[in-house]
Amino acid sequence: MHTEHAIPCRQLLSLDPGDVVAATGGRSQRTGARAREGHHDDTASVRLAFRRPPYPRGGRGCVMAEGVRRESHPRGAVDGFLSEVVASTLVDAAPDGMMVVDEGGRIRLANHQILELFGYKRVELVGQPIEMLLPDNLRGAHRAHRARFRAEPRTRTMGSGSALLGRRADGAMFPVEISLSPLRTDEGLGVIAAVRDISARVAAETEAARVRKILDDISDAILMFERDTLLFTYVNHGAVAQLGYSQTELLSMGPLDIKPLFSEGEYRELIESLSPGESRIYTTVHRRKDGTDIPVEAVVQHAPDDLGGGSGWMVSIARDLTARLEIEQRAMAVEREMTLLEDRERIARDLHDRVIQRLFAAGLGIESLRAQTSNVRISGRLGHVVEELDETIRDLRSSIFQLTLTSSTDSSRAMITRVCAEEREALGFDPILYIDGPVDSISDASADHLLAVLREALSNVAHHAQATKVHVAVFVGRDLVLLVKDDGIGLLAGARYGAGNGLANMAARAQKLEGVCHVTPGTPSGTNLEWRVPFVERTKA
């Protein structure tokens, strides 16, 4: 329906927000509108053309101004901002707040949304400076902005300017977006301002930025892509670091560009088998920009329908397995080595505790038989057998040393064995080593002193004793005891405990640990060294 009707200006000014003026049958019909007393004598009017859209009965309608024409008033008392008043009345149902500000910066018109947005009544707002709607610290700058706008008035659409802060009547601040349009009137240049509360949008953008930062801080590669096009729509910083491409480069690529083990058909079969919300875990390789392949464990998920955006996008999370596989390989190598070392230690113990002892017993038996025979030939052959057994025992002990040398390099047992092996060349033979008790549990300080004393004792035997064999025994019980016995020429005449730097050093080390060191002649020859200190257990990590 399209009609025209002349409405007195003052009567139009008196319309409250929400009034709807409809022109029907050549007469005006107003719903919720009434003429205020004292304004009925004005005869100035505007000629408006109204259109009422064909909304269903009970639906919300709107009135659109097709044209405005001012009729002459005999007294010339028409308000200069009449057209703004008409516009304000007509757009009172607009979703955004709208107001008209005159050249002096005062609010002349404000629609219902402005009043609700800022919490003022109309009488409290109209006629006040526009700066009352801004925070105190922005008011001076805003006056300067108004001056520049008057110098160069132009339309600024919603979203083209920076977000501002509005100040409500209760002092609360909230973010707003404003569009401006210059309005030229008889009274000068005015401004039509549309104001939109963007609190919800700013909150959503802040939350989105927080979530994006969380995703970017994750070291795993997170890649989102469209199921149909197989093109990435989002990649995080973890994907950039893992693949070596920039974000811009990755956003022009897709999963098939980084998955050399998949054909397009195979990958589409994988993702198309997933229902919304369903995921699949698999291992594959990703190819970096430099051409190297890295093993990854990937999870691909079909985005749930309730997340929006339809069901056509996928999320893939890929973790670089390089470090984990290296650790697993090292762990397997250590486990194999430990198994081998345990086998070697077991063999060494069996050789020492069983085979050597049996050979030694057999040698003693042969020596006993040799003493009982008077046959020189038989006695000579038995003596040769004993020598062969002794040589076999020496070879076995040498093999035992080689086996135990490959034990854990930081254990006390291994270090004692190593010291004995290192002195073999100087001695000309392998020391006979015996260890009893939890030697690997002694403290680091005790172990350091023990090894130093053992090395010094074996060095003395090698350089002074002229021995053919030496026994080394380490016992761990209430005390830590080291015994070194050789079959050499013994202590020189006049030698006494503590004589010489070597013996003095061994005694000093014992005293430092509140222990003792004794050096005595052997029977029937040689020298016996006993180094004894309190047992101190190693502190557990």
Protein backbone atom coordinates (compact mmCIF):
# COMPACT_ATOMS: atom_id res chain seq x y z
CA MET A 1 0.00 0.00 0.00
CA HIS A 2 1.37 3.44 -0.88
CA THR A 3 -0.27 6.69 0.30
CA GLU A 4 0.68 10.25 1.00
CA HIS A 5 -0.48 12.41 3.91
CA ALA A 6 0.40 15.80 5.36
CA ILE A 7 1.25 15.70 9.09
CA PRO A 8 1.69 18.83 11.20
CA CYS A 9 5.31 19.25 12.24
CA ARG A 10 4.67 19.75 15.96
CA GLN A 11 2.37 16.77 15.97
CA LEU A 12 5.15 14.68 14.39
CA LEU A 13 7.62 15.94 17.00
CA SER A 14 5.32 14.71 19.74
CA LEU A 15 5.41 11.08 18.56
CA ASP A 16 6.91 8.80 21.20
CA PRO A 17 9.32 6.00 20.21
CA GLY A 18 7.47 3.11 18.71
CA ASP A 19 4.64 5.20 17.20
CA VAL A 20 3.63 4.12 13.77
CA VAL A 21 1.97 6.56 11.43
CA ALA A 22 0.01 5.07 8.61
CA ALA A 23 -1.81 7.02 5.95
CA THR A 24 -5.06 5.38 4.90
CA GLY A 25 -8.02 6.72 3.00
CA GLY A 26 -6.77 10.30 2.96
CA ARG A 27 -6.77 10.61 6.80
CA SER A 28 -4.17 9.89 9.44
CA GLN A 29 -4.55 6.96 11.78
CA ARG A 30 -2.04 6.80 14.70
CA THR A 31 -1.40 3.90 17.02
CA GLY A 32 -0.11 4.96 20.40
CA ALA A 33 0.40 8.55 19.24
CA ARG A 34 -1.16 11.69 20.63
CA ALA A 35 -0.72 15.45 20.07
CA ARG A 36 0.78 17.23 23.03
CA GLU A 37 -1.03 20.30 24.31
CA GLY A 38 0.40 23.63 23.31
CA HIS A 39 1.48 22.51 19.85
CA HIS A 40 -1.85 22.30 18.05
CA ASP A 41 -1.62 25.82 16.69
CA ASP A 42 1.31 25.10 14.39
CA THR A 43 0.21 24.47 10.84
CA ALA A 44 3.57 23.67 9.30
CA SER A 45 3.57 20.15 7.99
CA VAL A 46 5.59 17.70 5.96
CA ARG A 47 4.35 15.67 3.06
CA LEU A 48 5.51 12.04 3.47
CA ALA A 49 4.94 9.03 1.30
CA PHE A 50 4.57 5.87 3.40
CA ARG A 51 4.67 2.23 2.41
CA ARG A 52 3.48 -0.52 4.71
CA PRO A 53 5.01 -3.86 3.71
CA PRO A 54 2.64 -6.80 3.50
CA TYR A 55 3.62 -8.36 6.88
CA PRO A 56 1.24 -10.96 8.31
CA ARG A 57 -1.32 -9.84 10.86
CA GLY A 58 0.39 -9.36 14.20
CA GLY A 59 3.87 -9.15 12.60
CA ARG A 60 6.20 -6.24 13.19
CA GLY A 61 5.99 -3.63 10.44
CA CYS A 62 8.12 -0.68 9.51
CA VAL A 63 7.62 2.68 7.87
CA MET A 64 9.99 3.93 5.19
CA ALA A 65 10.26 7.57 4.12
CA GLU A 66 10.18 7.89 0.37
CA GLY A 67 10.52 11.67 0.31
CA VAL A 68 10.26 14.73 2.53
CA ARG A 69 8.90 18.15 1.54
CA ARG A 70 8.46 21.09 3.93
CA GLU A 71 5.36 23.26 3.44
CA SER A 72 5.66 26.94 4.18
CA HIS A 73 4.64 28.14 7.63
CA PRO A 74 3.21 31.61 7.95
CA ARG A 75 5.29 32.34 11.08
CA GLY A 76 8.47 30.58 9.85
CA ALA A 77 8.82 28.73 13.14
CA VAL A 78 9.74 25.34 11.69
CA ASP A 79 12.45 23.43 13.61
CA GLY A 80 15.70 23.34 11.64
CA PHE A 81 16.25 19.73 12.54
CA LEU A 82 12.80 18.60 11.42
CA SER A 83 14.08 16.06 8.93
CA GLU A 84 16.34 14.59 11.61
CA VAL A 85 13.36 14.29 13.96
CA VAL A 86 11.38 12.50 11.28
CA ALA A 87 14.30 10.17 10.55
CA SER A 88 14.78 9.45 14.25
CA THR A 89 11.12 8.58 14.66
CA LEU A 90 11.08 6.34 11.61
CA VAL A 91 14.21 4.35 12.55
CA ASP A 92 13.36 3.99 16.22
CA ALA A 93 12.97 0.23 15.69
CA ALA A 94 16.40 -0.11 14.05
CA PRO A 95 18.71 -2.68 15.72
CA ASP A 96 21.49 -0.11 16.17
CA GLY A 97 21.41 3.00 18.27
CA MET A 98 21.04 6.18 16.17
CA MET A 99 21.30 9.85 17.06
CA VAL A 100 21.77 13.25 15.45
CA VAL A 101 24.42 15.63 16.74
CA ASP A 102 24.49 19.31 15.74
CA GLU A 103 27.50 21.33 14.69
CA GLY A 104 28.20 22.32 18.28
CA GLY A 105 28.50 18.70 19.37
CA ARG A 106 25.17 18.52 21.20
CA ILE A 107 22.75 15.64 20.89
CA ARG A 108 19.55 16.76 19.16
CA LEU A 109 17.87 13.41 18.53
CA ALA A 110 18.35 9.89 19.99
CA ASN A 111 16.37 6.76 19.26
CA HIS A 112 15.15 4.22 21.76
CA GLN A 113 18.16 1.93 21.28
CA ILE A 114 20.57 4.73 22.24
CA LEU A 115 18.65 5.29 25.46
CA GLU A 116 18.76 1.59 26.33
CA LEU A 117 22.40 1.27 25.29
CA PHE A 118 23.68 4.09 27.50
CA GLY A 119 21.06 3.91 30.26
CA TYR A 120 19.71 7.47 30.01
CA LYS A 121 16.22 8.90 29.73
CA ARG A 122 15.52 11.07 26.74
CA VAL A 123 15.29 14.27 28.76
CA GLU A 124 18.69 13.47 30.34
CA LEU A 125 20.41 13.00 27.01
CA VAL A 126 18.96 15.37 24.41
CA GLY A 127 20.71 18.74 24.45
CA GLN A 128 23.84 17.39 26.19
CA PRO A 129 27.34 17.29 24.64
CA ILE A 130 28.10 14.06 22.80
CA GLU A 131 31.24 13.71 24.97
CA MET A 132 29.10 12.71 27.96
CA LEU A 133 28.83 9.29 26.30
CA LEU A 134 32.63 8.84 26.29
CA PRO A 135 35.16 8.05 29.05
CA ASP A 136 36.74 11.11 30.67
CA ASN A 137 40.17 10.42 29.20
CA LEU A 138 38.82 10.36 25.62
CA ARG A 139 36.70 13.50 25.66
CA GLY A 140 39.43 15.98 24.75
CA ALA A 141 40.61 13.86 21.84
CA HIS A 142 37.03 13.45 20.63
CA ARG A 143 36.55 17.22 20.42
CA ALA A 144 39.59 17.35 18.15
CA HIS A 145 38.08 14.54 16.03
CA ARG A 146 34.86 16.55 15.65
CA ALA A 147 36.83 19.57 14.47
CA ARG A 148 38.58 17.49 11.80
CA PHE A 149 35.28 15.97 10.73
CA ARG A 150 33.75 19.45 10.25
CA ALA A 151 36.74 20.42 8.11
CA GLU A 152 36.37 17.33 5.93
CA PRO A 153 32.96 15.73 6.38
CA ARG A 154 32.59 12.30 4.83
CA THR A 155 30.61 9.14 5.43
CA ARG A 156 32.29 6.51 7.57
CA THR A 157 30.62 3.13 7.38
CA MET A 158 30.24 0.70 10.29
CA GLY A 159 33.43 -1.27 10.82
CA SER A 160 35.67 1.08 8.84
CA GLY A 161 36.87 2.93 11.91
CA SER A 162 38.62 1.74 15.01
CA ALA A 163 36.60 0.43 17.92
CA LEU A 164 35.86 3.00 20.63
CA LEU A 165 34.67 2.92 24.22
CA GLY A 166 31.28 4.16 25.35
CA ARG A 167 30.39 5.24 28.89
CA ARG A 168 27.02 4.34 30.35
CA ALA A 169 25.08 6.45 32.84
CA ASP A 170 26.32 4.20 35.67
CA GLY A 171 29.95 4.77 34.61
CA ALA A 172 30.45 1.33 33.04
CA MET A 173 32.60 1.21 29.91
CA PHE A 174 31.83 -0.96 26.88
CA PRO A 175 33.23 -1.25 23.35
CA VAL A 176 31.25 0.34 20.54
CA GLU A 177 31.50 0.66 16.78
CA ILE A 178 30.26 3.85 15.15
CA SER A 179 29.33 4.91 11.62
CA LEU A 180 29.03 8.59 10.73
CA SER A 181 27.18 10.45 7.99
CA PRO A 182 27.31 14.25 7.51
CA LEU A 183 23.91 16.00 7.62
CA ARG A 184 23.58 19.52 6.21
CA THR A 185 20.67 21.57 7.64
CA ASP A 186 19.62 25.19 7.78
CA GLU A 187 21.35 25.41 11.16
CA GLY A 188 24.63 24.06 9.91
CA LEU A 189 26.44 20.78 9.58
CA GLY A 190 25.13 17.96 11.72
CA VAL A 191 26.10 14.31 12.01
CA ILE A 192 23.99 11.17 11.96
CA ALA A 193 25.72 8.56 14.13
CA ALA A 194 24.86 4.88 14.30
CA VAL A 195 26.22 3.17 17.44
CA ARG A 196 26.56 -0.57 17.92
CA ASP A 197 27.51 -2.38 21.14
CA ILE A 198 30.22 -4.88 20.17
CA SER A 199 30.84 -6.30 23.65
CA ALA A 200 29.81 -9.80 22.60
CA ARG A 201 31.96 -9.64 19.47
CA VAL A 202 34.99 -8.34 21.37
CA ALA A 203 34.54 -11.07 23.99
CA ALA A 204 34.29 -13.69 21.26
CA GLU A 205 37.37 -12.31 19.49
CA THR A 206 39.30 -12.25 22.79
CA GLU A 207 38.34 -15.85 23.51
CA ALA A 208 39.22 -16.85 19.95
CA ALA A 209 42.63 -15.17 20.30
CA ARG A 210 43.19 -16.98 23.61
CA VAL A 211 42.31 -20.32 22.07
CA ARG A 212 44.49 -19.58 19.03
CA LYS A 213 47.43 -18.76 21.31
CA ILE A 214 46.94 -22.02 23.20
CA LEU A 215 46.89 -23.93 19.91
CA ASP A 216 49.96 -22.07 18.63
CA ASP A 217 51.88 -22.83 21.83
CA ILE A 218 51.33 -26.58 21.39
CA SER A 219 54.47 -28.21 19.99
CA ASP A 220 52.47 -30.80 18.04
CA ALA A 221 51.37 -29.92 14.52
CA ILE A 222 47.66 -28.98 14.38
CA LEU A 223 46.24 -28.74 10.87
CA MET A 224 42.62 -28.13 9.84
CA PHE A 225 41.48 -28.81 6.30
CA GLU A 226 38.35 -29.13 4.18
CA ARG A 227 37.33 -32.67 3.44
CA ASP A 228 36.27 -31.95 -0.14
CA THR A 229 39.17 -29.77 -1.33
CA LEU A 230 41.86 -31.26 0.97
CA LEU A 231 43.25 -27.76 1.51
CA PHE A 232 44.50 -26.49 4.86
CA THR A 233 42.41 -23.74 6.45
CA TYR A 234 44.42 -23.41 9.67
CA VAL A 235 47.91 -24.44 10.79
CA ASN A 236 49.52 -23.67 14.15
CA HIS A 237 53.11 -22.69 14.93
CA GLY A 238 53.85 -26.32 15.83
CA ALA A 239 53.08 -27.33 12.24
CA VAL A 240 55.38 -24.58 10.95
CA ALA A 241 58.23 -25.81 13.18
CA GLN A 242 57.63 -29.48 12.35
CA LEU A 243 57.35 -29.10 8.57
CA GLY A 244 59.66 -26.16 7.87
CA TYR A 245 57.11 -24.25 5.76
CA SER A 246 55.72 -20.81 6.58
CA GLN A 247 52.05 -20.47 7.52
CA THR A 248 51.36 -18.79 4.20
CA GLU A 249 52.93 -21.68 2.29
CA LEU A 250 51.05 -24.32 4.29
CA LEU A 251 47.70 -22.57 3.77
CA SER A 252 48.14 -23.09 0.03
CA MET A 253 48.83 -26.81 0.53
CA GLY A 254 47.00 -29.87 1.80
CA PRO A 255 47.61 -33.17 3.62
CA LEU A 256 48.76 -34.97 0.48
CA ASP A 257 51.63 -32.47 0.08
CA ILE A 258 53.21 -33.64 3.34
CA LYS A 259 52.22 -37.35 3.42
CA PRO A 260 54.34 -39.19 0.83
CA LEU A 261 53.08 -42.63 1.88
CA PHE A 262 49.44 -41.84 0.95
CA SER A 263 47.82 -41.62 -2.46
CA GLU A 264 44.79 -39.35 -2.80
CA GLY A 265 42.48 -42.34 -2.99
CA GLU A 266 43.93 -43.94 0.14
CA TYR A 267 43.73 -40.74 2.16
CA ARG A 268 40.17 -39.95 1.04
CA GLU A 269 39.17 -43.49 1.97
CA LEU A 270 40.62 -42.88 5.45
CA ILE A 271 38.83 -39.60 6.14
CA GLU A 272 35.54 -40.51 4.45
CA SER A 273 35.23 -43.54 6.71
CA LEU A 274 34.93 -41.21 9.72
CA SER A 275 31.55 -40.04 11.00
CA PRO A 276 31.20 -36.57 12.59
CA GLY A 277 33.05 -36.62 15.90
CA GLU A 278 34.90 -39.87 15.09
CA SER A 279 38.72 -40.00 15.00
CA ARG A 280 41.46 -42.38 13.87
CA ILE A 281 45.05 -42.79 15.14
CA TYR A 282 47.78 -43.95 12.77
CA THR A 283 51.53 -43.67 12.24
CA THR A 284 53.11 -42.38 9.07
CA VAL A 285 55.83 -39.98 7.94
CA HIS A 286 55.66 -36.27 7.15
CA ARG A 287 57.93 -34.79 4.52
CA ARG A 288 59.54 -31.50 5.49
CA LYS A 289 60.27 -28.62 3.15
CA ASP A 290 63.95 -29.68 3.02
CA GLY A 291 62.91 -33.12 1.76
CA THR A 292 63.61 -35.08 4.93
CA ASP A 293 60.98 -37.49 6.26
CA ILE A 294 60.11 -37.57 9.95
CA PRO A 295 58.06 -40.30 11.69
CA VAL A 296 54.82 -39.03 13.21
CA GLU A 297 51.88 -40.33 15.16
CA ALA A 298 48.77 -38.66 13.74
CA VAL A 299 45.18 -38.30 14.88
CA VAL A 300 42.60 -37.24 12.30
CA GLN A 301 39.08 -36.33 13.42
CA HIS A 302 35.92 -35.47 11.55
CA ALA A 303 34.66 -32.25 13.16
CA PRO A 304 31.40 -32.74 15.09
CA ASP A 305 28.27 -31.25 13.52
CA ASP A 306 27.46 -29.20 16.62
CA LEU A 307 30.65 -27.13 16.21
CA GLY A 308 29.15 -25.31 13.27
CA GLY A 309 30.47 -24.86 9.76
CA GLY A 310 28.77 -28.01 8.56
CA SER A 311 30.51 -31.37 8.62
CA GLY A 312 33.00 -30.78 5.82
CA TRP A 313 36.15 -30.01 7.74
CA MET A 314 38.75 -32.18 9.46
CA VAL A 315 41.30 -31.73 12.24
CA SER A 316 44.66 -33.48 12.22
CA ILE A 317 47.17 -33.52 15.09
CA ALA A 318 50.62 -34.94 14.38
CA ARG A 319 53.40 -35.59 16.91
CA ASP A 320 57.02 -35.94 15.82
CA LEU A 321 58.22 -39.38 16.97
CA THR A 322 61.90 -38.83 16.17
CA ALA A 323 63.01 -38.17 19.75
CA ARG A 324 60.80 -40.90 21.19
CA LEU A 325 62.06 -43.50 18.72
CA GLU A 326 65.67 -42.54 19.46
CA ILE A 327 65.03 -42.96 23.19
CA GLU A 328 63.35 -46.31 22.59
CA GLN A 329 66.25 -47.47 20.43
CA ARG A 330 68.77 -46.38 23.05
CA ALA A 331 66.75 -48.13 25.75
CA MET A 332 66.67 -51.32 23.69
CA ALA A 333 70.42 -51.09 23.11
CA VAL A 334 71.04 -50.59 26.83
CA GLU A 335 68.76 -53.51 27.63
CA ARG A 336 70.66 -55.74 25.18
CA GLU A 337 73.96 -54.58 26.63
CA MET A 338 72.80 -55.23 30.19
CA THR A 339 71.68 -58.72 29.23
CA LEU A 340 75.05 -59.37 27.62
CA LEU A 341 76.91 -58.00 30.64
CA GLU A 342 74.85 -60.12 33.00
CA ASP A 343 75.69 -63.18 30.92
CA ARG A 344 79.38 -62.30 30.95
CA GLU A 345 79.39 -61.71 34.69
CA ARG A 346 77.62 -65.03 35.24
CA ILE A 347 80.15 -66.83 33.05
CA ALA A 348 83.01 -65.11 34.85
CA ARG A 349 81.64 -66.12 38.25
CA ASP A 350 81.12 -69.70 37.11
CA LEU A 351 84.65 -69.87 35.73
CA HIS A 352 86.14 -68.42 38.89
CA ASP A 353 84.00 -70.19 41.46
CA ARG A 354 83.69 -73.57 39.80
CA VAL A 355 86.11 -74.25 36.98
CA ILE A 356 89.20 -72.65 38.49
CA GLN A 357 88.51 -74.14 41.90
CA ARG A 358 88.12 -77.60 40.39
CA LEU A 359 91.31 -77.21 38.40
CA PHE A 360 93.09 -75.98 41.47
CA ALA A 361 91.79 -78.99 43.46
CA ALA A 362 92.86 -81.31 40.66
CA GLY A 363 96.33 -79.78 40.74
CA LEU A 364 96.57 -80.30 44.50
CA GLY A 365 95.54 -83.94 44.06
CA ILE A 366 98.17 -84.49 41.43
CA GLU A 367 100.79 -82.86 43.62
CA SER A 368 99.78 -85.26 46.42
CA LEU A 369 100.15 -88.27 44.08
CA ARG A 370 103.50 -86.96 42.87
CA ALA A 371 104.79 -86.86 46.45
CA GLN A 372 103.78 -90.47 46.96
CA THR A 373 105.58 -91.94 43.94
CA SER A 374 109.26 -92.76 43.74
CA ASN A 375 109.22 -93.19 39.99
CA VAL A 376 111.12 -90.27 38.58
CA ARG A 377 109.51 -90.53 35.16
CA ILE A 378 105.98 -90.56 36.57
CA SER A 379 106.85 -87.77 38.99
CA GLY A 380 108.17 -85.67 36.11
CA ARG A 381 105.04 -86.20 34.04
CA LEU A 382 102.81 -85.37 37.00
CA GLY A 383 104.80 -82.17 37.58
CA HIS A 384 104.31 -81.22 33.92
CA VAL A 385 100.53 -81.77 34.29
CA VAL A 386 100.48 -79.48 37.32
CA GLU A 387 102.29 -76.79 35.35
CA GLU A 388 99.74 -77.13 32.55
CA LEU A 389 96.93 -76.78 35.04
CA ASP A 390 98.55 -73.65 36.50
CA GLU A 391 98.88 -72.21 32.99
CA THR A 392 95.24 -73.05 32.28
CA ILE A 393 94.18 -71.35 35.50
CA ARG A 394 96.13 -68.22 34.53
CA ASP A 395 94.50 -68.18 31.09
CA LEU A 396 91.07 -68.56 32.64
CA ARG A 397 91.71 -65.71 35.05
CA SER A 398 92.82 -63.53 32.15
CA SER A 399 89.59 -64.36 30.30
CA ILE A 400 87.59 -63.59 33.43
CA PHE A 401 89.23 -60.16 33.61
CA GLN A 402 88.35 -59.46 29.99
CA LEU A 403 84.74 -60.48 30.61
CA THR A 404 84.32 -58.37 33.72
CA LEU A 405 85.98 -55.34 32.11
CA THR A 406 82.87 -54.91 29.94
CA SER A 407 80.63 -54.56 33.00
CA SER A 408 78.98 -51.27 33.89
CA THR A 409 81.77 -48.71 33.78
CA ASP A 410 80.61 -46.77 36.83
CA SER A 411 80.20 -49.68 39.28
CA SER A 412 82.77 -50.18 42.04
CA ARG A 413 83.22 -53.83 41.04
CA ALA A 414 84.03 -52.84 37.46
CA MET A 415 86.49 -50.15 38.53
CA ILE A 416 88.33 -52.55 40.90
CA THR A 417 88.56 -55.06 38.07
CA ARG A 418 89.85 -52.38 35.71
CA VAL A 419 92.62 -51.32 38.10
CA CYS A 420 93.79 -54.95 38.34
CA ALA A 421 93.75 -55.28 34.55
CA GLU A 422 95.66 -52.03 34.07
CA GLU A 423 98.49 -53.29 36.33
CA ARG A 424 98.80 -56.58 34.46
CA GLU A 425 101.49 -55.31 32.10
CA ALA A 426 103.63 -53.94 34.94
CA LEU A 427 103.20 -57.13 37.01
CA GLY A 428 103.69 -59.56 34.15
CA PHE A 429 100.67 -61.57 35.22
CA ASP A 430 97.02 -61.13 36.20
CA PRO A 431 96.24 -60.48 39.85
CA ILE A 432 93.98 -63.07 41.46
CA LEU A 433 90.87 -61.08 42.40
CA TYR A 434 88.20 -62.03 44.92
CA ILE A 435 85.25 -59.77 45.80
CA ASP A 436 82.68 -60.52 48.49
CA GLY A 437 79.76 -58.41 49.67
CA PRO A 438 77.81 -55.44 48.23
CA VAL A 439 80.87 -53.65 46.90
CA ASP A 440 78.76 -51.59 44.47
CA SER A 441 76.93 -50.00 47.41
CA ILE A 442 79.98 -48.32 48.98
CA SER A 443 80.06 -44.53 48.99
CA ASP A 444 81.82 -42.61 46.22
CA ALA A 445 84.40 -41.26 48.67
CA SER A 446 85.22 -44.76 49.97
CA ALA A 447 85.45 -46.09 46.41
CA ASP A 448 87.84 -43.30 45.36
CA HIS A 449 90.21 -44.01 48.28
CA LEU A 450 89.95 -47.80 47.80
CA LEU A 451 90.93 -47.59 44.13
CA ALA A 452 93.84 -45.28 44.86
CA VAL A 453 95.19 -47.62 47.57
CA LEU A 454 94.75 -50.68 45.33
CA ARG A 455 96.60 -49.00 42.47
CA GLU A 456 99.44 -47.94 44.81
CA ALA A 457 99.72 -51.45 46.34
CA LEU A 458 99.89 -53.20 42.96
CA SER A 459 102.41 -50.66 41.71
CA ASN A 460 104.64 -51.40 44.73
CA VAL A 461 104.42 -55.13 44.05
CA ALA A 462 105.29 -54.60 40.38
CA HIS A 463 108.32 -52.39 41.08
CA HIS A 464 109.77 -53.83 44.31
CA ALA A 465 108.43 -57.27 45.26
CA GLN A 466 109.71 -59.41 42.36
CA ALA A 467 106.56 -61.47 42.85
CA THR A 468 105.15 -64.18 40.59
CA LYS A 469 101.60 -63.85 41.82
CA VAL A 470 99.46 -61.50 43.89
CA HIS A 471 96.09 -62.01 45.53
CA VAL A 472 93.61 -59.10 45.80
CA ALA A 473 90.54 -59.48 48.01
CA VAL A 474 87.81 -56.90 48.73
CA PHE A 475 85.30 -57.60 51.52
CA VAL A 476 82.25 -55.50 52.37
CA GLY A 477 80.54 -56.08 55.71
CA ARG A 478 80.66 -53.91 58.81
CA ASP A 479 83.95 -52.64 57.35
CA LEU A 480 85.33 -52.16 53.88
CA VAL A 481 88.51 -54.27 53.75
CA LEU A 482 91.17 -54.49 51.04
CA LEU A 483 93.79 -57.28 51.26
CA VAL A 484 96.80 -57.45 48.91
CA LYS A 485 99.17 -60.44 49.31
CA ASP A 486 102.19 -61.20 47.12
CA ASP A 487 104.86 -63.95 47.09
CA GLY A 488 107.78 -61.61 46.51
CA ILE A 489 110.96 -60.90 48.47
CA GLY A 490 109.08 -59.12 51.24
CA LEU A 491 109.83 -55.88 53.03
CA LEU A 492 113.44 -54.73 52.84
CA ALA A 493 115.50 -54.95 55.99
CA GLY A 494 114.77 -52.00 58.22
CA ALA A 495 111.54 -51.10 56.49
CA ARG A 496 108.74 -50.15 58.82
CA TYR A 497 105.07 -49.19 58.63
CA GLY A 498 104.66 -45.77 57.04
CA ALA A 499 108.08 -45.72 55.44
CA GLY A 500 108.08 -44.23 51.94
CA ASN A 501 105.56 -41.95 50.27
CA GLY A 502 103.45 -44.81 48.92
CA LEU A 503 102.88 -46.47 52.27
CA ALA A 504 102.34 -43.09 53.95
CA ASN A 505 99.71 -42.13 51.38
CA MET A 506 97.81 -45.39 51.93
CA ALA A 507 97.85 -44.85 55.70
CA ALA A 508 96.70 -41.24 55.30
CA ARG A 509 93.76 -42.30 53.19
CA ALA A 510 92.67 -44.83 55.81
CA GLN A 511 92.96 -42.25 58.61
CA LYS A 512 90.88 -39.77 56.58
CA LEU A 513 88.04 -42.31 56.61
CA GLU A 514 88.64 -43.14 60.28
CA GLY A 515 90.28 -46.45 59.37
CA VAL A 516 93.69 -48.17 59.60
CA CYS A 517 96.35 -49.56 57.27
CA HIS A 518 98.77 -52.39 58.20
CA VAL A 519 101.69 -53.73 56.18
CA THR A 520 103.25 -56.98 57.46
CA PRO A 521 105.63 -59.67 56.15
CA GLY A 522 104.05 -62.68 54.47
CA THR A 523 104.58 -66.35 55.29
CA PRO A 524 106.85 -67.86 54.13
CA SER A 525 107.65 -64.81 51.95
CA GLY A 526 106.15 -61.76 50.40
CA THR A 527 104.15 -58.92 51.91
CA ASN A 528 100.62 -58.58 53.28
CA LEU A 529 98.69 -55.27 53.15
CA GLU A 530 95.44 -54.80 55.02
CA TRP A 531 93.52 -51.54 54.49
CA ARG A 532 90.35 -51.33 56.64
CA VAL A 533 87.79 -48.47 56.93
CA PRO A 534 84.18 -48.27 58.20
CA PHE A 535 81.59 -49.20 55.58
CA VAL A 536 79.62 -46.16 54.38
CA GLU A 537 76.73 -46.85 52.00
CA ARG A 538 76.29 -44.80 48.85
CA THR A 539 73.52 -42.21 49.05
CA LYS A 540 70.63 -43.20 46.80
CA ALA A 541 69.55 -40.63 44.19
